[in-house]
Amino acid sequence: MLSDWINENNTTLITRIKDWQSAVALAVQPLIDSGAAESRYLQAIYDMHREIGPYYVLGEGIAMPHARPEEGAVRTALSLVIVSEGVEFGSEDNDPVYVIFALAAVDSHSHIEMIASLSHLFCDDEAAKKLKQSKNKQEALDIIRQF
């Protein structure tokens, strides 16, 4: 269940943010603060984005920034940022991004159940829309608890 990973401490709702770099930093910071990722993890995401583009923009309005485990992941963890006005990531088909789940994973398999739950959320258009439009953490977490 996503509520095993997402809680009040790693969820942030904001109206607007300057750019994709700031959005990714805001999303990754709870992972760093909790010890799930080293600070170099954020730079690894930036570097990969510059190299191959916004590889982690998964669909319309949804991004999941992450880097390889060896680039600073300490333990598997997830955080959530919702930007009500959206932010451009340079993904022609899927900008603006409103919902950002930052992922730290220590290997390629320990987070499969988490990814499956995220997939169910992303495929539920109504729930994804409600998450994007959440006015506060409680609304967002109520939606998260369904998956």
N, C-alpha and C. Protein backbone atom coordinates (compact mmCIF):
# COMPACT_ATOMS: atom_id res chain seq x y z
N MET A 1 0.84 -1.18 0.00
CA MET A 1 0.00 0.00 0.00
C MET A 1 0.88 1.25 0.00
N LEU A 2 0.44 2.24 -0.74
CA LEU A 2 1.21 3.48 -0.81
C LEU A 2 1.30 4.19 0.54
N SER A 3 0.29 3.98 1.38
CA SER A 3 0.33 4.64 2.70
C SER A 3 1.44 4.07 3.58
N ASP A 4 2.03 2.94 3.20
CA ASP A 4 3.21 2.44 3.90
C ASP A 4 4.42 3.32 3.62
N TRP A 5 4.36 4.08 2.53
CA TRP A 5 5.50 4.87 2.07
C TRP A 5 5.28 6.38 2.15
N ILE A 6 4.03 6.81 1.95
CA ILE A 6 3.72 8.24 1.90
C ILE A 6 2.97 8.64 3.16
N ASN A 7 3.44 9.71 3.82
CA ASN A 7 2.80 10.19 5.04
C ASN A 7 2.94 11.71 5.12
N GLU A 8 2.49 12.29 6.21
CA GLU A 8 2.54 13.75 6.37
C GLU A 8 3.96 14.31 6.31
N ASN A 9 4.92 13.53 6.76
CA ASN A 9 6.30 14.01 6.83
C ASN A 9 7.00 14.07 5.47
N ASN A 10 6.53 13.31 4.50
CA ASN A 10 7.20 13.32 3.20
C ASN A 10 6.26 13.74 2.06
N THR A 11 5.24 14.49 2.43
CA THR A 11 4.28 15.03 1.47
C THR A 11 4.31 16.55 1.54
N THR A 12 4.39 17.19 0.37
CA THR A 12 4.42 18.65 0.29
C THR A 12 3.44 19.11 -0.78
N LEU A 13 2.62 20.09 -0.45
CA LEU A 13 1.74 20.72 -1.43
C LEU A 13 2.13 22.18 -1.55
N ILE A 14 2.34 22.62 -2.78
CA ILE A 14 2.68 24.02 -3.02
C ILE A 14 1.88 24.53 -4.21
N THR A 15 1.75 25.82 -4.31
CA THR A 15 1.01 26.42 -5.42
C THR A 15 1.85 26.46 -6.68
N ARG A 16 3.07 26.98 -6.57
CA ARG A 16 3.92 27.09 -7.76
C ARG A 16 5.37 26.90 -7.34
N ILE A 17 6.20 26.61 -8.34
CA ILE A 17 7.63 26.46 -8.10
C ILE A 17 8.36 26.94 -9.34
N LYS A 18 9.57 27.42 -9.15
CA LYS A 18 10.32 28.11 -10.21
C LYS A 18 10.59 27.25 -11.44
N ASP A 19 11.09 26.03 -11.24
CA ASP A 19 11.50 25.20 -12.37
C ASP A 19 11.58 23.73 -11.96
N TRP A 20 11.88 22.88 -12.95
CA TRP A 20 11.92 21.44 -12.67
C TRP A 20 13.01 21.09 -11.66
N GLN A 21 14.13 21.80 -11.69
CA GLN A 21 15.21 21.51 -10.75
C GLN A 21 14.74 21.74 -9.31
N SER A 22 14.04 22.83 -9.10
CA SER A 22 13.53 23.13 -7.75
C SER A 22 12.49 22.11 -7.33
N ALA A 23 11.66 21.69 -8.27
CA ALA A 23 10.63 20.69 -7.97
C ALA A 23 11.25 19.36 -7.58
N VAL A 24 12.26 18.94 -8.34
CA VAL A 24 12.94 17.68 -8.03
C VAL A 24 13.64 17.79 -6.68
N ALA A 25 14.30 18.90 -6.42
CA ALA A 25 14.98 19.09 -5.14
C ALA A 25 14.00 19.02 -3.97
N LEU A 26 12.85 19.66 -4.13
CA LEU A 26 11.83 19.63 -3.08
C LEU A 26 11.33 18.21 -2.84
N ALA A 27 11.17 17.45 -3.92
CA ALA A 27 10.69 16.08 -3.80
C ALA A 27 11.73 15.14 -3.19
N VAL A 28 12.99 15.35 -3.54
CA VAL A 28 14.06 14.46 -3.06
C VAL A 28 14.49 14.78 -1.63
N GLN A 29 14.30 16.02 -1.19
CA GLN A 29 14.79 16.42 0.13
C GLN A 29 14.30 15.53 1.27
N PRO A 30 13.02 15.13 1.31
CA PRO A 30 12.60 14.23 2.40
C PRO A 30 13.35 12.89 2.38
N LEU A 31 13.75 12.43 1.20
CA LEU A 31 14.53 11.19 1.11
C LEU A 31 15.90 11.39 1.74
N ILE A 32 16.50 12.54 1.48
CA ILE A 32 17.80 12.87 2.06
C ILE A 32 17.67 13.07 3.57
N ASP A 33 16.66 13.84 3.97
CA ASP A 33 16.46 14.14 5.39
C ASP A 33 16.22 12.88 6.23
N SER A 34 15.55 11.90 5.65
CA SER A 34 15.25 10.67 6.38
C SER A 34 16.38 9.65 6.31
N GLY A 35 17.42 9.96 5.55
CA GLY A 35 18.54 9.03 5.41
C GLY A 35 18.34 7.97 4.35
N ALA A 36 17.28 8.07 3.58
CA ALA A 36 17.02 7.09 2.52
C ALA A 36 17.90 7.32 1.30
N ALA A 37 18.41 8.54 1.15
CA ALA A 37 19.29 8.86 0.03
C ALA A 37 20.37 9.83 0.49
N GLU A 38 21.52 9.70 -0.13
CA GLU A 38 22.60 10.65 0.12
C GLU A 38 22.35 11.90 -0.71
N SER A 39 22.99 12.99 -0.36
CA SER A 39 22.78 14.24 -1.10
C SER A 39 23.20 14.12 -2.56
N ARG A 40 24.15 13.26 -2.88
CA ARG A 40 24.58 13.09 -4.27
C ARG A 40 23.49 12.48 -5.16
N TYR A 41 22.48 11.88 -4.55
CA TYR A 41 21.37 11.29 -5.30
C TYR A 41 20.67 12.35 -6.14
N LEU A 42 20.46 13.52 -5.57
CA LEU A 42 19.81 14.61 -6.30
C LEU A 42 20.64 15.01 -7.51
N GLN A 43 21.94 15.15 -7.35
CA GLN A 43 22.79 15.52 -8.48
C GLN A 43 22.76 14.46 -9.57
N ALA A 44 22.65 13.19 -9.19
CA ALA A 44 22.57 12.11 -10.17
C ALA A 44 21.31 12.24 -11.02
N ILE A 45 20.20 12.64 -10.40
CA ILE A 45 18.96 12.85 -11.16
C ILE A 45 19.13 14.01 -12.12
N TYR A 46 19.70 15.11 -11.64
CA TYR A 46 19.96 16.27 -12.52
C TYR A 46 20.84 15.87 -13.70
N ASP A 47 21.91 15.15 -13.42
CA ASP A 47 22.86 14.77 -14.48
C ASP A 47 22.18 13.90 -15.54
N MET A 48 21.38 12.94 -15.09
CA MET A 48 20.71 12.05 -16.04
C MET A 48 19.67 12.83 -16.84
N HIS A 49 18.97 13.74 -16.21
CA HIS A 49 17.98 14.57 -16.92
C HIS A 49 18.67 15.36 -18.03
N ARG A 50 19.80 15.95 -17.70
CA ARG A 50 20.54 16.73 -18.71
C ARG A 50 21.04 15.85 -19.84
N GLU A 51 21.39 14.61 -19.50
CA GLU A 51 21.95 13.69 -20.49
C GLU A 51 20.89 13.14 -21.44
N ILE A 52 19.76 12.70 -20.89
CA ILE A 52 18.76 12.02 -21.73
C ILE A 52 17.37 12.65 -21.69
N GLY A 53 17.22 13.76 -20.98
CA GLY A 53 15.91 14.40 -20.91
C GLY A 53 15.12 13.91 -19.71
N PRO A 54 13.86 14.30 -19.64
CA PRO A 54 13.02 13.99 -18.47
C PRO A 54 12.51 12.55 -18.49
N TYR A 55 13.43 11.61 -18.32
CA TYR A 55 13.15 10.17 -18.38
C TYR A 55 12.13 9.72 -17.34
N TYR A 56 11.95 10.48 -16.31
CA TYR A 56 11.10 10.09 -15.19
C TYR A 56 9.71 10.72 -15.26
N VAL A 57 9.39 11.47 -16.32
CA VAL A 57 8.02 11.95 -16.50
C VAL A 57 7.27 10.79 -17.14
N LEU A 58 6.39 10.17 -16.36
CA LEU A 58 5.80 8.89 -16.72
C LEU A 58 4.52 8.99 -17.52
N GLY A 59 3.84 10.10 -17.38
CA GLY A 59 2.57 10.27 -18.06
C GLY A 59 2.13 11.70 -17.89
N GLU A 60 0.95 11.97 -18.38
CA GLU A 60 0.44 13.34 -18.33
C GLU A 60 0.39 13.86 -16.90
N GLY A 61 1.23 14.85 -16.60
CA GLY A 61 1.21 15.50 -15.31
C GLY A 61 1.85 14.76 -14.16
N ILE A 62 2.54 13.63 -14.44
CA ILE A 62 3.09 12.79 -13.38
C ILE A 62 4.57 12.52 -13.61
N ALA A 63 5.37 12.71 -12.57
CA ALA A 63 6.80 12.42 -12.66
C ALA A 63 7.24 11.60 -11.46
N MET A 64 8.27 10.77 -11.69
CA MET A 64 8.85 9.98 -10.61
C MET A 64 10.37 10.05 -10.72
N PRO A 65 10.96 11.17 -10.27
CA PRO A 65 12.41 11.28 -10.35
C PRO A 65 13.10 10.23 -9.48
N HIS A 66 14.14 9.64 -10.05
CA HIS A 66 14.91 8.61 -9.36
C HIS A 66 16.26 8.48 -10.06
N ALA A 67 17.20 7.90 -9.37
CA ALA A 67 18.51 7.62 -9.94
C ALA A 67 18.82 6.14 -9.67
N ARG A 68 19.94 5.70 -10.17
CA ARG A 68 20.34 4.31 -9.96
C ARG A 68 20.69 4.09 -8.49
N PRO A 69 20.48 2.89 -7.99
CA PRO A 69 20.75 2.61 -6.58
C PRO A 69 22.16 3.01 -6.14
N GLU A 70 23.14 2.73 -6.97
CA GLU A 70 24.53 3.01 -6.59
C GLU A 70 24.87 4.50 -6.60
N GLU A 71 23.92 5.34 -7.01
CA GLU A 71 24.16 6.78 -7.06
C GLU A 71 23.69 7.50 -5.80
N GLY A 72 23.51 6.74 -4.72
CA GLY A 72 23.21 7.37 -3.45
C GLY A 72 21.97 6.89 -2.73
N ALA A 73 21.30 5.86 -3.24
CA ALA A 73 20.15 5.30 -2.53
C ALA A 73 20.66 4.48 -1.34
N VAL A 74 20.10 4.72 -0.18
CA VAL A 74 20.51 4.02 1.04
C VAL A 74 19.46 2.99 1.42
N ARG A 75 18.20 3.35 1.28
CA ARG A 75 17.09 2.43 1.52
C ARG A 75 15.92 2.86 0.64
N THR A 76 15.03 1.93 0.39
CA THR A 76 13.89 2.21 -0.47
C THR A 76 12.93 3.16 0.25
N ALA A 77 12.55 4.22 -0.46
CA ALA A 77 11.66 5.23 0.12
C ALA A 77 10.99 6.01 -0.99
N LEU A 78 9.94 6.72 -0.62
CA LEU A 78 9.14 7.48 -1.57
C LEU A 78 8.72 8.79 -0.90
N SER A 79 8.58 9.84 -1.68
CA SER A 79 8.03 11.10 -1.18
C SER A 79 7.12 11.67 -2.25
N LEU A 80 6.31 12.66 -1.87
CA LEU A 80 5.31 13.21 -2.77
C LEU A 80 5.31 14.73 -2.71
N VAL A 81 5.29 15.35 -3.89
CA VAL A 81 5.09 16.79 -4.01
C VAL A 81 3.96 17.02 -5.00
N ILE A 82 3.03 17.89 -4.66
CA ILE A 82 1.96 18.29 -5.57
C ILE A 82 2.10 19.79 -5.81
N VAL A 83 2.22 20.16 -7.07
CA VAL A 83 2.36 21.57 -7.48
C VAL A 83 1.07 21.96 -8.18
N SER A 84 0.20 22.72 -7.52
CA SER A 84 -1.14 22.96 -8.06
C SER A 84 -1.14 23.69 -9.40
N GLU A 85 -0.17 24.56 -9.64
CA GLU A 85 -0.10 25.25 -10.94
C GLU A 85 0.75 24.50 -11.96
N GLY A 86 1.36 23.42 -11.55
CA GLY A 86 2.18 22.62 -12.45
C GLY A 86 3.54 23.25 -12.70
N VAL A 87 4.44 22.45 -13.26
CA VAL A 87 5.80 22.89 -13.57
C VAL A 87 6.26 22.18 -14.84
N GLU A 88 6.97 22.91 -15.67
CA GLU A 88 7.46 22.36 -16.94
C GLU A 88 8.74 21.56 -16.70
N PHE A 89 8.76 20.34 -17.22
CA PHE A 89 9.93 19.48 -17.11
C PHE A 89 10.63 19.29 -18.45
N GLY A 90 10.06 19.84 -19.51
CA GLY A 90 10.64 19.62 -20.83
C GLY A 90 10.15 18.34 -21.48
N SER A 91 9.01 17.85 -21.02
CA SER A 91 8.39 16.66 -21.59
C SER A 91 7.22 17.12 -22.46
N GLU A 92 7.46 17.17 -23.74
CA GLU A 92 6.50 17.75 -24.68
C GLU A 92 5.10 17.17 -24.53
N ASP A 93 5.01 15.86 -24.37
CA ASP A 93 3.70 15.21 -24.32
C ASP A 93 3.03 15.25 -22.96
N ASN A 94 3.80 15.48 -21.89
CA ASN A 94 3.25 15.29 -20.55
C ASN A 94 3.34 16.50 -19.62
N ASP A 95 3.90 17.61 -20.09
CA ASP A 95 3.94 18.84 -19.29
C ASP A 95 2.60 19.53 -19.31
N PRO A 96 2.27 20.30 -18.29
CA PRO A 96 3.02 20.47 -17.05
C PRO A 96 2.84 19.29 -16.11
N VAL A 97 3.78 19.14 -15.19
CA VAL A 97 3.73 18.09 -14.17
C VAL A 97 3.15 18.69 -12.90
N TYR A 98 2.19 17.97 -12.33
CA TYR A 98 1.54 18.40 -11.09
C TYR A 98 1.89 17.50 -9.91
N VAL A 99 2.09 16.22 -10.18
CA VAL A 99 2.32 15.22 -9.14
C VAL A 99 3.72 14.63 -9.32
N ILE A 100 4.52 14.72 -8.26
CA ILE A 100 5.90 14.25 -8.32
C ILE A 100 6.13 13.28 -7.16
N PHE A 101 6.41 12.04 -7.50
CA PHE A 101 6.80 11.04 -6.52
C PHE A 101 8.30 10.82 -6.67
N ALA A 102 9.09 11.19 -5.68
CA ALA A 102 10.53 10.91 -5.73
C ALA A 102 10.77 9.53 -5.13
N LEU A 103 11.58 8.75 -5.82
CA LEU A 103 11.84 7.36 -5.43
C LEU A 103 13.32 7.15 -5.16
N ALA A 104 13.62 6.50 -4.05
CA ALA A 104 14.96 5.96 -3.80
C ALA A 104 14.77 4.45 -3.70
N ALA A 105 15.54 3.70 -4.46
CA ALA A 105 15.44 2.24 -4.43
C ALA A 105 16.85 1.66 -4.37
N VAL A 106 17.05 0.68 -3.50
CA VAL A 106 18.38 0.12 -3.29
C VAL A 106 18.72 -1.00 -4.27
N ASP A 107 17.73 -1.47 -5.01
CA ASP A 107 17.96 -2.52 -6.00
C ASP A 107 16.82 -2.46 -7.01
N SER A 108 16.79 -3.42 -7.91
CA SER A 108 15.79 -3.38 -8.98
C SER A 108 14.51 -4.14 -8.65
N HIS A 109 14.41 -4.72 -7.46
CA HIS A 109 13.23 -5.53 -7.17
C HIS A 109 12.51 -5.21 -5.86
N SER A 110 13.16 -4.60 -4.89
CA SER A 110 12.53 -4.41 -3.58
C SER A 110 11.35 -3.44 -3.59
N HIS A 111 11.22 -2.66 -4.63
CA HIS A 111 10.15 -1.66 -4.69
C HIS A 111 9.05 -2.02 -5.69
N ILE A 112 9.01 -3.25 -6.15
CA ILE A 112 8.04 -3.67 -7.17
C ILE A 112 6.61 -3.49 -6.68
N GLU A 113 6.33 -3.86 -5.44
CA GLU A 113 4.97 -3.70 -4.90
C GLU A 113 4.57 -2.23 -4.86
N MET A 114 5.52 -1.36 -4.48
CA MET A 114 5.27 0.07 -4.45
C MET A 114 4.95 0.58 -5.86
N ILE A 115 5.72 0.15 -6.84
CA ILE A 115 5.51 0.57 -8.22
C ILE A 115 4.15 0.08 -8.72
N ALA A 116 3.77 -1.12 -8.34
CA ALA A 116 2.46 -1.65 -8.74
C ALA A 116 1.34 -0.78 -8.16
N SER A 117 1.47 -0.38 -6.91
CA SER A 117 0.46 0.50 -6.29
C SER A 117 0.41 1.85 -6.99
N LEU A 118 1.58 2.40 -7.31
CA LEU A 118 1.62 3.67 -8.05
C LEU A 118 0.96 3.52 -9.41
N SER A 119 1.20 2.40 -10.06
CA SER A 119 0.60 2.15 -11.38
C SER A 119 -0.92 2.14 -11.29
N HIS A 120 -1.45 1.50 -10.25
CA HIS A 120 -2.91 1.49 -10.06
C HIS A 120 -3.44 2.91 -9.88
N LEU A 121 -2.72 3.72 -9.12
CA LEU A 121 -3.13 5.11 -8.93
C LEU A 121 -3.09 5.87 -10.25
N PHE A 122 -1.99 5.74 -10.99
CA PHE A 122 -1.84 6.47 -12.25
C PHE A 122 -2.89 6.06 -13.28
N CYS A 123 -3.32 4.80 -13.23
CA CYS A 123 -4.31 4.30 -14.19
C CYS A 123 -5.75 4.68 -13.81
N ASP A 124 -5.94 5.13 -12.59
CA ASP A 124 -7.26 5.56 -12.13
C ASP A 124 -7.36 7.07 -12.38
N ASP A 125 -7.92 7.43 -13.53
CA ASP A 125 -7.95 8.84 -13.94
C ASP A 125 -8.61 9.74 -12.91
N GLU A 126 -9.68 9.28 -12.31
CA GLU A 126 -10.39 10.10 -11.33
C GLU A 126 -9.54 10.33 -10.07
N ALA A 127 -8.92 9.27 -9.58
CA ALA A 127 -8.07 9.41 -8.39
C ALA A 127 -6.85 10.28 -8.69
N ALA A 128 -6.25 10.10 -9.86
CA ALA A 128 -5.09 10.92 -10.23
C ALA A 128 -5.48 12.39 -10.33
N LYS A 129 -6.66 12.64 -10.87
CA LYS A 129 -7.15 14.03 -10.98
C LYS A 129 -7.38 14.62 -9.59
N LYS A 130 -7.99 13.84 -8.70
CA LYS A 130 -8.24 14.32 -7.34
C LYS A 130 -6.93 14.58 -6.60
N LEU A 131 -5.95 13.71 -6.81
CA LEU A 131 -4.66 13.91 -6.16
C LEU A 131 -4.03 15.22 -6.63
N LYS A 132 -4.07 15.44 -7.93
CA LYS A 132 -3.52 16.67 -8.51
C LYS A 132 -4.20 17.91 -7.94
N GLN A 133 -5.49 17.79 -7.64
CA GLN A 133 -6.27 18.93 -7.18
C GLN A 133 -6.38 19.02 -5.65
N SER A 134 -5.65 18.17 -4.95
CA SER A 134 -5.70 18.18 -3.48
C SER A 134 -5.39 19.57 -2.94
N LYS A 135 -6.17 19.99 -1.97
CA LYS A 135 -6.00 21.32 -1.37
C LYS A 135 -5.12 21.30 -0.13
N ASN A 136 -4.95 20.11 0.46
CA ASN A 136 -4.13 19.98 1.66
C ASN A 136 -3.60 18.56 1.77
N LYS A 137 -2.71 18.35 2.72
CA LYS A 137 -2.10 17.03 2.89
C LYS A 137 -3.13 15.96 3.18
N GLN A 138 -4.13 16.29 4.00
CA GLN A 138 -5.12 15.28 4.37
C GLN A 138 -5.87 14.77 3.14
N GLU A 139 -6.27 15.67 2.25
CA GLU A 139 -6.93 15.23 1.01
C GLU A 139 -6.02 14.32 0.20
N ALA A 140 -4.77 14.70 0.07
CA ALA A 140 -3.82 13.90 -0.70
C ALA A 140 -3.63 12.53 -0.05
N LEU A 141 -3.45 12.50 1.25
CA LEU A 141 -3.23 11.23 1.94
C LEU A 141 -4.46 10.34 1.92
N ASP A 142 -5.65 10.92 1.93
CA ASP A 142 -6.88 10.13 1.81
C ASP A 142 -6.91 9.39 0.48
N ILE A 143 -6.45 10.02 -0.57
CA ILE A 143 -6.40 9.37 -1.89
C ILE A 143 -5.31 8.30 -1.89
N ILE A 144 -4.16 8.62 -1.35
CA ILE A 144 -3.04 7.67 -1.28
C ILE A 144 -3.45 6.40 -0.56
N ARG A 145 -4.24 6.52 0.50
CA ARG A 145 -4.65 5.36 1.30
C ARG A 145 -5.50 4.36 0.50
N GLN A 146 -6.04 4.78 -0.62
CA GLN A 146 -6.87 3.89 -1.44
C GLN A 146 -6.02 2.93 -2.28
N PHE A 147 -4.72 3.16 -2.33
CA PHE A 147 -3.87 2.38 -3.24
C PHE A 147 -2.73 1.68 -2.51
